[in-house]
Amino acid sequence: MRGARQIDFPDDFWIPIPLDTNNITSLSPYLVPQDHLGSKALFYSMSAFMFFLFVAGTIINTLTIACTIQYKKLRSHLNYILVNLAVANLLVASVGSFTCFYCFAFR
């Protein structure tokens, strides 16, 4: 390259992958802990929030589906759309939120 200049990094600059290799593109940055992204308190608070979303989303969507099944007056076309959204949201809340909770809690 023409005019390539040396970059001076500060003393506390940290790269999470080992640089003693000839081919740095073969290494994945996800093979090492991502401690530089945030503190443990941040990950634990995100874990608590995702657990809250898991519990609240599961309870509310289950109640929506159960009430629509139990009461015949709620069986209208518009409420079937609402139940369809509740089923989809129940799957997202129970699978996605719990997976994020597990990843944040035990990173």
PDB file of N, CA and C in Angstrom:
ATOM      1  N   MET A   1       0.838  -1.180   0.000  1.00  0.00           N
ATOM      2  CA  MET A   1       0.000   0.000   0.000  1.00  0.00           C
ATOM      3  C   MET A   1       0.879   1.238   0.000  1.00  0.00           C
ATOM      4  N   ARG A   2       0.418   2.213  -0.650  1.00  0.00           N
ATOM      5  CA  ARG A   2       1.167   3.453  -0.740  1.00  0.00           C
ATOM      6  C   ARG A   2       0.950   4.286   0.513  1.00  0.00           C
ATOM      7  N   GLY A   3       1.990   4.666   1.146  1.00  0.00           N
ATOM      8  CA  GLY A   3       1.903   5.557   2.303  1.00  0.00           C
ATOM      9  C   GLY A   3       1.286   4.914   3.529  1.00  0.00           C
ATOM     10  N   ALA A   4       1.477   3.628   3.728  1.00  0.00           N
ATOM     11  CA  ALA A   4       0.926   2.974   4.915  1.00  0.00           C
ATOM     12  C   ALA A   4       1.650   3.486   6.146  1.00  0.00           C
ATOM     13  N   ARG A   5       0.901   3.962   7.104  1.00  0.00           N
ATOM     14  CA  ARG A   5       1.525   4.487   8.315  1.00  0.00           C
ATOM     15  C   ARG A   5       1.197   3.607   9.503  1.00  0.00           C
ATOM     16  N   GLN A   6       2.071   3.615  10.447  1.00  0.00           N
ATOM     17  CA  GLN A   6       1.915   2.821  11.664  1.00  0.00           C
ATOM     18  C   GLN A   6       0.886   3.488  12.576  1.00  0.00           C
ATOM     19  N   ILE A   7      -0.048   2.699  13.107  1.00  0.00           N
ATOM     20  CA  ILE A   7      -1.072   3.217  14.010  1.00  0.00           C
ATOM     21  C   ILE A   7      -0.597   3.013  15.437  1.00  0.00           C
ATOM     22  N   ASP A   8      -0.630   4.074  16.212  1.00  0.00           N
ATOM     23  CA  ASP A   8      -0.238   3.995  17.620  1.00  0.00           C
ATOM     24  C   ASP A   8      -1.484   3.788  18.470  1.00  0.00           C
ATOM     25  N   PHE A   9      -1.551   2.653  19.152  1.00  0.00           N
ATOM     26  CA  PHE A   9      -2.676   2.339  20.017  1.00  0.00           C
ATOM     27  C   PHE A   9      -2.346   2.725  21.454  1.00  0.00           C
ATOM     28  N   PRO A  10      -3.355   3.095  22.244  1.00  0.00           N
ATOM     29  CA  PRO A  10      -3.095   3.379  23.660  1.00  0.00           C
ATOM     30  C   PRO A  10      -2.678   2.111  24.403  1.00  0.00           C
ATOM     31  N   ASP A  11      -2.114   2.297  25.595  1.00  0.00           N
ATOM     32  CA  ASP A  11      -1.608   1.164  26.370  1.00  0.00           C
ATOM     33  C   ASP A  11      -2.707   0.210  26.824  1.00  0.00           C
ATOM     34  N   ASP A  12      -3.919   0.726  27.068  1.00  0.00           N
ATOM     35  CA  ASP A  12      -4.996  -0.124  27.563  1.00  0.00           C
ATOM     36  C   ASP A  12      -5.863  -0.695  26.439  1.00  0.00           C
ATOM     37  N   PHE A  13      -5.426  -0.557  25.186  1.00  0.00           N
ATOM     38  CA  PHE A  13      -6.174  -1.103  24.054  1.00  0.00           C
ATOM     39  C   PHE A  13      -6.059  -2.624  24.066  1.00  0.00           C
ATOM     40  N   TRP A  14      -7.215  -3.302  23.947  1.00  0.00           N
ATOM     41  CA  TRP A  14      -7.231  -4.754  24.058  1.00  0.00           C
ATOM     42  C   TRP A  14      -7.992  -5.359  22.902  1.00  0.00           C
ATOM     43  N   ILE A  15      -7.380  -6.289  22.219  1.00  0.00           N
ATOM     44  CA  ILE A  15      -8.032  -7.028  21.147  1.00  0.00           C
ATOM     45  C   ILE A  15      -8.278  -8.438  21.669  1.00  0.00           C
ATOM     46  N   PRO A  16      -9.524  -8.932  21.612  1.00  0.00           N
ATOM     47  CA  PRO A  16      -9.845 -10.211  22.261  1.00  0.00           C
ATOM     48  C   PRO A  16      -9.396 -11.460  21.513  1.00  0.00           C
ATOM     49  N   ILE A  17      -8.633 -11.329  20.453  1.00  0.00           N
ATOM     50  CA  ILE A  17      -8.155 -12.506  19.739  1.00  0.00           C
ATOM     51  C   ILE A  17      -6.630 -12.485  19.718  1.00  0.00           C
ATOM     52  N   PRO A  18      -5.992 -13.643  19.697  1.00  0.00           N
ATOM     53  CA  PRO A  18      -4.526 -13.663  19.676  1.00  0.00           C
ATOM     54  C   PRO A  18      -3.996 -13.167  18.332  1.00  0.00           C
ATOM     55  N   LEU A  19      -2.965 -12.368  18.395  1.00  0.00           N
ATOM     56  CA  LEU A  19      -2.409 -11.799  17.172  1.00  0.00           C
ATOM     57  C   LEU A  19      -1.142 -12.508  16.713  1.00  0.00           C
ATOM     58  N   ASP A  20      -0.827 -13.670  17.272  1.00  0.00           N
ATOM     59  CA  ASP A  20       0.383 -14.394  16.898  1.00  0.00           C
ATOM     60  C   ASP A  20       0.105 -15.413  15.790  1.00  0.00           C
ATOM     61  N   THR A  21      -0.671 -15.026  14.819  1.00  0.00           N
ATOM     62  CA  THR A  21      -0.995 -15.894  13.699  1.00  0.00           C
ATOM     63  C   THR A  21      -0.749 -15.145  12.400  1.00  0.00           C
ATOM     64  N   ASN A  22      -0.546 -15.885  11.332  1.00  0.00           N
ATOM     65  CA  ASN A  22      -0.317 -15.260  10.033  1.00  0.00           C
ATOM     66  C   ASN A  22      -1.619 -14.914   9.330  1.00  0.00           C
ATOM     67  N   ASN A  23      -2.683 -15.646   9.611  1.00  0.00           N
ATOM     68  CA  ASN A  23      -3.957 -15.435   8.948  1.00  0.00           C
ATOM     69  C   ASN A  23      -5.002 -15.083   9.997  1.00  0.00           C
ATOM     70  N   ILE A  24      -5.196 -13.802  10.236  1.00  0.00           N
ATOM     71  CA  ILE A  24      -6.125 -13.376  11.284  1.00  0.00           C
ATOM     72  C   ILE A  24      -7.579 -13.553  10.854  1.00  0.00           C
ATOM     73  N   THR A  25      -7.831 -13.644   9.541  1.00  0.00           N
ATOM     74  CA  THR A  25      -9.207 -13.817   9.092  1.00  0.00           C
ATOM     75  C   THR A  25      -9.737 -15.213   9.376  1.00  0.00           C
ATOM     76  N   SER A  26      -8.858 -16.169   9.667  1.00  0.00           N
ATOM     77  CA  SER A  26      -9.322 -17.520   9.979  1.00  0.00           C
ATOM     78  C   SER A  26      -9.827 -17.637  11.411  1.00  0.00           C
ATOM     79  N   LEU A  27      -9.526 -16.662  12.251  1.00  0.00           N
ATOM     80  CA  LEU A  27      -9.968 -16.696  13.642  1.00  0.00           C
ATOM     81  C   LEU A  27     -11.309 -15.994  13.781  1.00  0.00           C
ATOM     82  N   SER A  28     -12.161 -16.532  14.582  1.00  0.00           N
ATOM     83  CA  SER A  28     -13.464 -15.929  14.828  1.00  0.00           C
ATOM     84  C   SER A  28     -13.408 -15.115  16.114  1.00  0.00           C
ATOM     85  N   PRO A  29     -13.951 -13.902  16.125  1.00  0.00           N
ATOM     86  CA  PRO A  29     -13.964 -13.128  17.370  1.00  0.00           C
ATOM     87  C   PRO A  29     -14.939 -13.685  18.397  1.00  0.00           C
ATOM     88  N   TYR A  30     -15.770 -14.645  18.003  1.00  0.00           N
ATOM     89  CA  TYR A  30     -16.753 -15.210  18.922  1.00  0.00           C
ATOM     90  C   TYR A  30     -16.217 -16.418  19.681  1.00  0.00           C
ATOM     91  N   LEU A  31     -14.972 -16.798  19.437  1.00  0.00           N
ATOM     92  CA  LEU A  31     -14.385 -17.932  20.138  1.00  0.00           C
ATOM     93  C   LEU A  31     -13.810 -17.548  21.493  1.00  0.00           C
ATOM     94  N   VAL A  32     -13.762 -16.265  21.763  1.00  0.00           N
ATOM     95  CA  VAL A  32     -13.204 -15.779  23.023  1.00  0.00           C
ATOM     96  C   VAL A  32     -14.307 -15.085  23.813  1.00  0.00           C
ATOM     97  N   PRO A  33     -14.178 -14.954  25.130  1.00  0.00           N
ATOM     98  CA  PRO A  33     -15.196 -14.243  25.915  1.00  0.00           C
ATOM     99  C   PRO A  33     -15.316 -12.788  25.479  1.00  0.00           C
ATOM    100  N   GLN A  34     -16.519 -12.296  25.453  1.00  0.00           N
ATOM    101  CA  GLN A  34     -16.778 -10.928  25.023  1.00  0.00           C
ATOM    102  C   GLN A  34     -16.853  -9.993  26.229  1.00  0.00           C
ATOM    103  N   ASP A  35     -15.807  -9.986  27.046  1.00  0.00           N
ATOM    104  CA  ASP A  35     -15.806  -9.175  28.258  1.00  0.00           C
ATOM    105  C   ASP A  35     -15.736  -7.686  27.970  1.00  0.00           C
ATOM    106  N   HIS A  36     -15.272  -7.315  26.812  1.00  0.00           N
ATOM    107  CA  HIS A  36     -15.141  -5.904  26.493  1.00  0.00           C
ATOM    108  C   HIS A  36     -16.486  -5.256  26.147  1.00  0.00           C
ATOM    109  N   LEU A  37     -17.549  -6.034  26.030  1.00  0.00           N
ATOM    110  CA  LEU A  37     -18.850  -5.484  25.663  1.00  0.00           C
ATOM    111  C   LEU A  37     -19.597  -4.870  26.830  1.00  0.00           C
ATOM    112  N   GLY A  38     -19.314  -5.291  28.044  1.00  0.00           N
ATOM    113  CA  GLY A  38     -20.005  -4.736  29.201  1.00  0.00           C
ATOM    114  C   GLY A  38     -19.602  -5.453  30.470  1.00  0.00           C
ATOM    115  N   SER A  39     -20.008  -4.868  31.578  1.00  0.00           N
ATOM    116  CA  SER A  39     -19.667  -5.450  32.871  1.00  0.00           C
ATOM    117  C   SER A  39     -20.618  -6.598  33.208  1.00  0.00           C
ATOM    118  N   LYS A  40     -20.291  -7.329  34.267  1.00  0.00           N
ATOM    119  CA  LYS A  40     -21.155  -8.436  34.690  1.00  0.00           C
ATOM    120  C   LYS A  40     -22.504  -7.925  35.163  1.00  0.00           C
ATOM    121  N   ALA A  41     -22.520  -6.752  35.796  1.00  0.00           N
ATOM    122  CA  ALA A  41     -23.786  -6.184  36.275  1.00  0.00           C
ATOM    123  C   ALA A  41     -24.728  -5.897  35.114  1.00  0.00           C
ATOM    124  N   LEU A  42     -24.191  -5.442  34.004  1.00  0.00           N
ATOM    125  CA  LEU A  42     -25.018  -5.179  32.829  1.00  0.00           C
ATOM    126  C   LEU A  42     -25.637  -6.469  32.304  1.00  0.00           C
ATOM    127  N   PHE A  43     -24.846  -7.524  32.224  1.00  0.00           N
ATOM    128  CA  PHE A  43     -25.371  -8.792  31.727  1.00  0.00           C
ATOM    129  C   PHE A  43     -26.380  -9.401  32.700  1.00  0.00           C
ATOM    130  N   TYR A  44     -26.157  -9.263  34.008  1.00  0.00           N
ATOM    131  CA  TYR A  44     -27.120  -9.785  34.982  1.00  0.00           C
ATOM    132  C   TYR A  44     -28.422  -8.989  34.959  1.00  0.00           C
ATOM    133  N   SER A  45     -28.345  -7.671  34.769  1.00  0.00           N
ATOM    134  CA  SER A  45     -29.578  -6.883  34.691  1.00  0.00           C
ATOM    135  C   SER A  45     -30.343  -7.205  33.409  1.00  0.00           C
ATOM    136  N   MET A  46     -29.641  -7.431  32.312  1.00  0.00           N
ATOM    137  CA  MET A  46     -30.316  -7.842  31.077  1.00  0.00           C
ATOM    138  C   MET A  46     -30.939  -9.222  31.234  1.00  0.00           C
ATOM    139  N   SER A  47     -30.274 -10.085  31.981  1.00  0.00           N
ATOM    140  CA  SER A  47     -30.815 -11.415  32.244  1.00  0.00           C
ATOM    141  C   SER A  47     -32.091 -11.330  33.070  1.00  0.00           C
ATOM    142  N   ALA A  48     -32.106 -10.469  34.084  1.00  0.00           N
ATOM    143  CA  ALA A  48     -33.307 -10.296  34.906  1.00  0.00           C
ATOM    144  C   ALA A  48     -34.452  -9.722  34.082  1.00  0.00           C
ATOM    145  N   PHE A  49     -34.154  -8.768  33.201  1.00  0.00           N
ATOM    146  CA  PHE A  49     -35.189  -8.187  32.349  1.00  0.00           C
ATOM    147  C   PHE A  49     -35.752  -9.226  31.381  1.00  0.00           C
ATOM    148  N   MET A  50     -34.899 -10.053  30.793  1.00  0.00           N
ATOM    149  CA  MET A  50     -35.380 -11.080  29.877  1.00  0.00           C
ATOM    150  C   MET A  50     -36.191 -12.144  30.608  1.00  0.00           C
ATOM    151  N   PHE A  51     -35.827 -12.444  31.857  1.00  0.00           N
ATOM    152  CA  PHE A  51     -36.625 -13.388  32.640  1.00  0.00           C
ATOM    153  C   PHE A  51     -38.001 -12.800  32.940  1.00  0.00           C
ATOM    154  N   PHE A  52     -38.060 -11.489  33.239  1.00  0.00           N
ATOM    155  CA  PHE A  52     -39.348 -10.827  33.456  1.00  0.00           C
ATOM    156  C   PHE A  52     -40.202 -10.891  32.190  1.00  0.00           C
ATOM    157  N   LEU A  53     -39.602 -10.629  31.031  1.00  0.00           N
ATOM    158  CA  LEU A  53     -40.354 -10.714  29.777  1.00  0.00           C
ATOM    159  C   LEU A  53     -40.837 -12.131  29.503  1.00  0.00           C
ATOM    160  N   PHE A  54     -40.031 -13.113  29.844  1.00  0.00           N
ATOM    161  CA  PHE A  54     -40.420 -14.514  29.672  1.00  0.00           C
ATOM    162  C   PHE A  54     -41.634 -14.838  30.530  1.00  0.00           C
ATOM    163  N   VAL A  55     -41.597 -14.463  31.816  1.00  0.00           N
ATOM    164  CA  VAL A  55     -42.701 -14.785  32.732  1.00  0.00           C
ATOM    165  C   VAL A  55     -43.957 -14.008  32.354  1.00  0.00           C
ATOM    166  N   ALA A  56     -43.824 -12.694  32.159  1.00  0.00           N
ATOM    167  CA  ALA A  56     -44.996 -11.869  31.849  1.00  0.00           C
ATOM    168  C   ALA A  56     -45.606 -12.247  30.503  1.00  0.00           C
ATOM    169  N   GLY A  57     -44.774 -12.443  29.493  1.00  0.00           N
ATOM    170  CA  GLY A  57     -45.294 -12.797  28.174  1.00  0.00           C
ATOM    171  C   GLY A  57     -45.981 -14.144  28.161  1.00  0.00           C
ATOM    172  N   THR A  58     -45.433 -15.103  28.878  1.00  0.00           N
ATOM    173  CA  THR A  58     -46.045 -16.427  28.936  1.00  0.00           C
ATOM    174  C   THR A  58     -47.388 -16.377  29.649  1.00  0.00           C
ATOM    175  N   ILE A  59     -47.456 -15.674  30.762  1.00  0.00           N
ATOM    176  CA  ILE A  59     -48.710 -15.602  31.532  1.00  0.00           C
ATOM    177  C   ILE A  59     -49.788 -14.860  30.754  1.00  0.00           C
ATOM    178  N   ILE A  60     -49.467 -13.696  30.218  1.00  0.00           N
ATOM    179  CA  ILE A  60     -50.476 -12.878  29.533  1.00  0.00           C
ATOM    180  C   ILE A  60     -50.988 -13.573  28.277  1.00  0.00           C
ATOM    181  N   ASN A  61     -50.110 -14.144  27.491  1.00  0.00           N
ATOM    182  CA  ASN A  61     -50.556 -14.810  26.262  1.00  0.00           C
ATOM    183  C   ASN A  61     -51.326 -16.090  26.552  1.00  0.00           C
ATOM    184  N   THR A  62     -50.946 -16.817  27.596  1.00  0.00           N
ATOM    185  CA  THR A  62     -51.704 -18.009  27.978  1.00  0.00           C
ATOM    186  C   THR A  62     -53.098 -17.628  28.455  1.00  0.00           C
ATOM    187  N   LEU A  63     -53.210 -16.552  29.223  1.00  0.00           N
ATOM    188  CA  LEU A  63     -54.535 -16.092  29.667  1.00  0.00           C
ATOM    189  C   LEU A  63     -55.395 -15.638  28.493  1.00  0.00           C
ATOM    190  N   THR A  64     -54.802 -14.979  27.515  1.00  0.00           N
ATOM    191  CA  THR A  64     -55.561 -14.554  26.333  1.00  0.00           C
ATOM    192  C   THR A  64     -56.115 -15.755  25.580  1.00  0.00           C
ATOM    193  N   ILE A  65     -55.305 -16.763  25.386  1.00  0.00           N
ATOM    194  CA  ILE A  65     -55.754 -17.969  24.679  1.00  0.00           C
ATOM    195  C   ILE A  65     -56.800 -18.715  25.497  1.00  0.00           C
ATOM    196  N   ALA A  66     -56.586 -18.845  26.804  1.00  0.00           N
ATOM    197  CA  ALA A  66     -57.530 -19.577  27.660  1.00  0.00           C
ATOM    198  C   ALA A  66     -58.877 -18.877  27.741  1.00  0.00           C
ATOM    199  N   CYS A  67     -58.891 -17.556  27.848  1.00  0.00           N
ATOM    200  CA  CYS A  67     -60.165 -16.825  27.919  1.00  0.00           C
ATOM    201  C   CYS A  67     -60.942 -16.937  26.617  1.00  0.00           C
ATOM    202  N   THR A  68     -60.241 -16.902  25.497  1.00  0.00           N
ATOM    203  CA  THR A  68     -60.929 -17.028  24.216  1.00  0.00           C
ATOM    204  C   THR A  68     -61.504 -18.428  24.041  1.00  0.00           C
ATOM    205  N   ILE A  69     -60.822 -19.440  24.531  1.00  0.00           N
ATOM    206  CA  ILE A  69     -61.341 -20.806  24.439  1.00  0.00           C
ATOM    207  C   ILE A  69     -62.510 -21.006  25.393  1.00  0.00           C
ATOM    208  N   GLN A  70     -62.432 -20.416  26.579  1.00  0.00           N
ATOM    209  CA  GLN A  70     -63.450 -20.668  27.605  1.00  0.00           C
ATOM    210  C   GLN A  70     -64.761 -19.933  27.327  1.00  0.00           C
ATOM    211  N   TYR A  71     -64.709 -18.684  26.900  1.00  0.00           N
ATOM    212  CA  TYR A  71     -65.923 -17.881  26.724  1.00  0.00           C
ATOM    213  C   TYR A  71     -66.292 -17.806  25.249  1.00  0.00           C
ATOM    214  N   LYS A  72     -67.514 -18.260  24.940  1.00  0.00           N
ATOM    215  CA  LYS A  72     -67.958 -18.318  23.548  1.00  0.00           C
ATOM    216  C   LYS A  72     -68.210 -16.937  22.959  1.00  0.00           C
ATOM    217  N   LYS A  73     -68.489 -15.941  23.801  1.00  0.00           N
ATOM    218  CA  LYS A  73     -68.723 -14.591  23.289  1.00  0.00           C
ATOM    219  C   LYS A  73     -67.454 -13.966  22.703  1.00  0.00           C
ATOM    220  N   LEU A  74     -66.327 -14.472  23.086  1.00  0.00           N
ATOM    221  CA  LEU A  74     -65.063 -13.923  22.582  1.00  0.00           C
ATOM    222  C   LEU A  74     -64.631 -14.549  21.263  1.00  0.00           C
ATOM    223  N   ARG A  75     -65.416 -15.473  20.743  1.00  0.00           N
ATOM    224  CA  ARG A  75     -65.042 -16.150  19.498  1.00  0.00           C
ATOM    225  C   ARG A  75     -65.589 -15.394  18.287  1.00  0.00           C
ATOM    226  N   SER A  76     -64.933 -14.315  17.969  1.00  0.00           N
ATOM    227  CA  SER A  76     -65.284 -13.547  16.772  1.00  0.00           C
ATOM    228  C   SER A  76     -64.069 -13.526  15.844  1.00  0.00           C
ATOM    229  N   HIS A  77     -64.275 -12.995  14.654  1.00  0.00           N
ATOM    230  CA  HIS A  77     -63.183 -12.973  13.680  1.00  0.00           C
ATOM    231  C   HIS A  77     -62.005 -12.137  14.179  1.00  0.00           C
ATOM    232  N   LEU A  78     -62.307 -11.016  14.786  1.00  0.00           N
ATOM    233  CA  LEU A  78     -61.244 -10.147  15.277  1.00  0.00           C
ATOM    234  C   LEU A  78     -60.482 -10.791  16.436  1.00  0.00           C
ATOM    235  N   ASN A  79     -61.196 -11.501  17.298  1.00  0.00           N
ATOM    236  CA  ASN A  79     -60.520 -12.163  18.411  1.00  0.00           C
ATOM    237  C   ASN A  79     -59.708 -13.373  17.958  1.00  0.00           C
ATOM    238  N   TYR A  80     -60.087 -13.995  16.838  1.00  0.00           N
ATOM    239  CA  TYR A  80     -59.248 -15.065  16.300  1.00  0.00           C
ATOM    240  C   TYR A  80     -57.899 -14.521  15.829  1.00  0.00           C
ATOM    241  N   ILE A  81     -57.910 -13.312  15.292  1.00  0.00           N
ATOM    242  CA  ILE A  81     -56.646 -12.663  14.927  1.00  0.00           C
ATOM    243  C   ILE A  81     -55.831 -12.383  16.179  1.00  0.00           C
ATOM    244  N   LEU A  82     -56.500 -11.948  17.243  1.00  0.00           N
ATOM    245  CA  LEU A  82     -55.818 -11.693  18.511  1.00  0.00           C
ATOM    246  C   LEU A  82     -55.230 -12.981  19.094  1.00  0.00           C
ATOM    247  N   VAL A  83     -55.967 -14.077  18.998  1.00  0.00           N
ATOM    248  CA  VAL A  83     -55.463 -15.362  19.492  1.00  0.00           C
ATOM    249  C   VAL A  83     -54.282 -15.829  18.643  1.00  0.00           C
ATOM    250  N   ASN A  84     -54.359 -15.611  17.343  1.00  0.00           N
ATOM    251  CA  ASN A  84     -53.242 -15.966  16.477  1.00  0.00           C
ATOM    252  C   ASN A  84     -51.982 -15.197  16.878  1.00  0.00           C
ATOM    253  N   LEU A  85     -52.116 -13.907  17.160  1.00  0.00           N
ATOM    254  CA  LEU A  85     -50.978 -13.114  17.624  1.00  0.00           C
ATOM    255  C   LEU A  85     -50.499 -13.576  18.994  1.00  0.00           C
ATOM    256  N   ALA A  86     -51.430 -13.970  19.855  1.00  0.00           N
ATOM    257  CA  ALA A  86     -51.043 -14.446  21.188  1.00  0.00           C
ATOM    258  C   ALA A  86     -50.265 -15.754  21.104  1.00  0.00           C
ATOM    259  N   VAL A  87     -50.655 -16.638  20.195  1.00  0.00           N
ATOM    260  CA  VAL A  87     -49.921 -17.899  20.030  1.00  0.00           C
ATOM    261  C   VAL A  87     -48.513 -17.622  19.506  1.00  0.00           C
ATOM    262  N   ALA A  88     -48.411 -16.740  18.522  1.00  0.00           N
ATOM    263  CA  ALA A  88     -47.088 -16.405  17.986  1.00  0.00           C
ATOM    264  C   ALA A  88     -46.224 -15.732  19.045  1.00  0.00           C
ATOM    265  N   ASN A  89     -46.812 -14.821  19.806  1.00  0.00           N
ATOM    266  CA  ASN A  89     -46.064 -14.133  20.855  1.00  0.00           C
ATOM    267  C   ASN A  89     -45.699 -15.086  21.988  1.00  0.00           C
ATOM    268  N   LEU A  90     -46.545 -16.060  22.255  1.00  0.00           N
ATOM    269  CA  LEU A  90     -46.229 -17.061  23.280  1.00  0.00           C
ATOM    270  C   LEU A  90     -44.999 -17.876  22.874  1.00  0.00           C
ATOM    271  N   LEU A  91     -44.916 -18.234  21.605  1.00  0.00           N
ATOM    272  CA  LEU A  91     -43.736 -18.960  21.128  1.00  0.00           C
ATOM    273  C   LEU A  91     -42.480 -18.098  21.214  1.00  0.00           C
ATOM    274  N   VAL A  92     -42.596 -16.834  20.832  1.00  0.00           N
ATOM    275  CA  VAL A  92     -41.444 -15.935  20.896  1.00  0.00           C
ATOM    276  C   VAL A  92     -41.025 -15.698  22.339  1.00  0.00           C
ATOM    277  N   ALA A  93     -42.006 -15.479  23.225  1.00  0.00           N
ATOM    278  CA  ALA A  93     -41.686 -15.203  24.630  1.00  0.00           C
ATOM    279  C   ALA A  93     -41.095 -16.417  25.319  1.00  0.00           C
ATOM    280  N   SER A  94     -41.627 -17.591  25.014  1.00  0.00           N
ATOM    281  CA  SER A  94     -41.138 -18.768  25.730  1.00  0.00           C
ATOM    282  C   SER A  94     -39.813 -19.278  25.173  1.00  0.00           C
ATOM    283  N   VAL A  95     -39.577 -19.148  23.883  1.00  0.00           N
ATOM    284  CA  VAL A  95     -38.333 -19.647  23.301  1.00  0.00           C
ATOM    285  C   VAL A  95     -37.261 -18.554  23.272  1.00  0.00           C
ATOM    286  N   GLY A  96     -37.587 -17.424  22.672  1.00  0.00           N
ATOM    287  CA  GLY A  96     -36.586 -16.369  22.496  1.00  0.00           C
ATOM    288  C   GLY A  96     -36.144 -15.710  23.782  1.00  0.00           C
ATOM    289  N   SER A  97     -37.089 -15.326  24.628  1.00  0.00           N
ATOM    290  CA  SER A  97     -36.730 -14.641  25.866  1.00  0.00           C
ATOM    291  C   SER A  97     -35.990 -15.566  26.817  1.00  0.00           C
ATOM    292  N   PHE A  98     -36.407 -16.819  26.874  1.00  0.00           N
ATOM    293  CA  PHE A  98     -35.720 -17.750  27.768  1.00  0.00           C
ATOM    294  C   PHE A  98     -34.307 -18.049  27.271  1.00  0.00           C
ATOM    295  N   THR A  99     -34.132 -18.119  25.960  1.00  0.00           N
ATOM    296  CA  THR A  99     -32.798 -18.337  25.406  1.00  0.00           C
ATOM    297  C   THR A  99     -31.882 -17.159  25.720  1.00  0.00           C
ATOM    298  N   CYS A 100     -32.395 -15.937  25.571  1.00  0.00           N
ATOM    299  CA  CYS A 100     -31.594 -14.755  25.906  1.00  0.00           C
ATOM    300  C   CYS A 100     -31.302 -14.701  27.392  1.00  0.00           C
ATOM    301  N   PHE A 101     -32.281 -15.063  28.226  1.00  0.00           N
ATOM    302  CA  PHE A 101     -32.047 -15.097  29.672  1.00  0.00           C
ATOM    303  C   PHE A 101     -30.915 -16.053  30.001  1.00  0.00           C
ATOM    304  N   TYR A 102     -30.934 -17.220  29.410  1.00  0.00           N
ATOM    305  CA  TYR A 102     -29.894 -18.218  29.682  1.00  0.00           C
ATOM    306  C   TYR A 102     -28.523 -17.735  29.211  1.00  0.00           C
ATOM    307  N   CYS A 103     -28.486 -17.116  28.035  1.00  0.00           N
ATOM    308  CA  CYS A 103     -27.205 -16.639  27.501  1.00  0.00           C
ATOM    309  C   CYS A 103     -26.626 -15.511  28.344  1.00  0.00           C
ATOM    310  N   PHE A 104     -27.478 -14.591  28.798  1.00  0.00           N
ATOM    311  CA  PHE A 104     -26.979 -13.476  29.597  1.00  0.00           C
ATOM    312  C   PHE A 104     -26.593 -13.918  31.000  1.00  0.00           C
ATOM    313  N   ALA A 105     -27.311 -14.876  31.556  1.00  0.00           N
ATOM    314  CA  ALA A 105     -27.039 -15.293  32.934  1.00  0.00           C
ATOM    315  C   ALA A 105     -25.793 -16.154  33.032  1.00  0.00           C
ATOM    316  N   PHE A 106     -25.549 -16.984  32.044  1.00  0.00           N
ATOM    317  CA  PHE A 106     -24.436 -17.931  32.112  1.00  0.00           C
ATOM    318  C   PHE A 106     -23.442 -17.711  30.979  1.00  0.00           C
ATOM    319  N   ARG A 107     -23.081 -16.484  30.748  1.00  0.00           N
ATOM    320  CA  ARG A 107     -22.164 -16.179  29.635  1.00  0.00           C
ATOM    321  C   ARG A 107     -20.761 -16.576  29.929  1.00  0.00           C
TER     322      ARG A 107
END
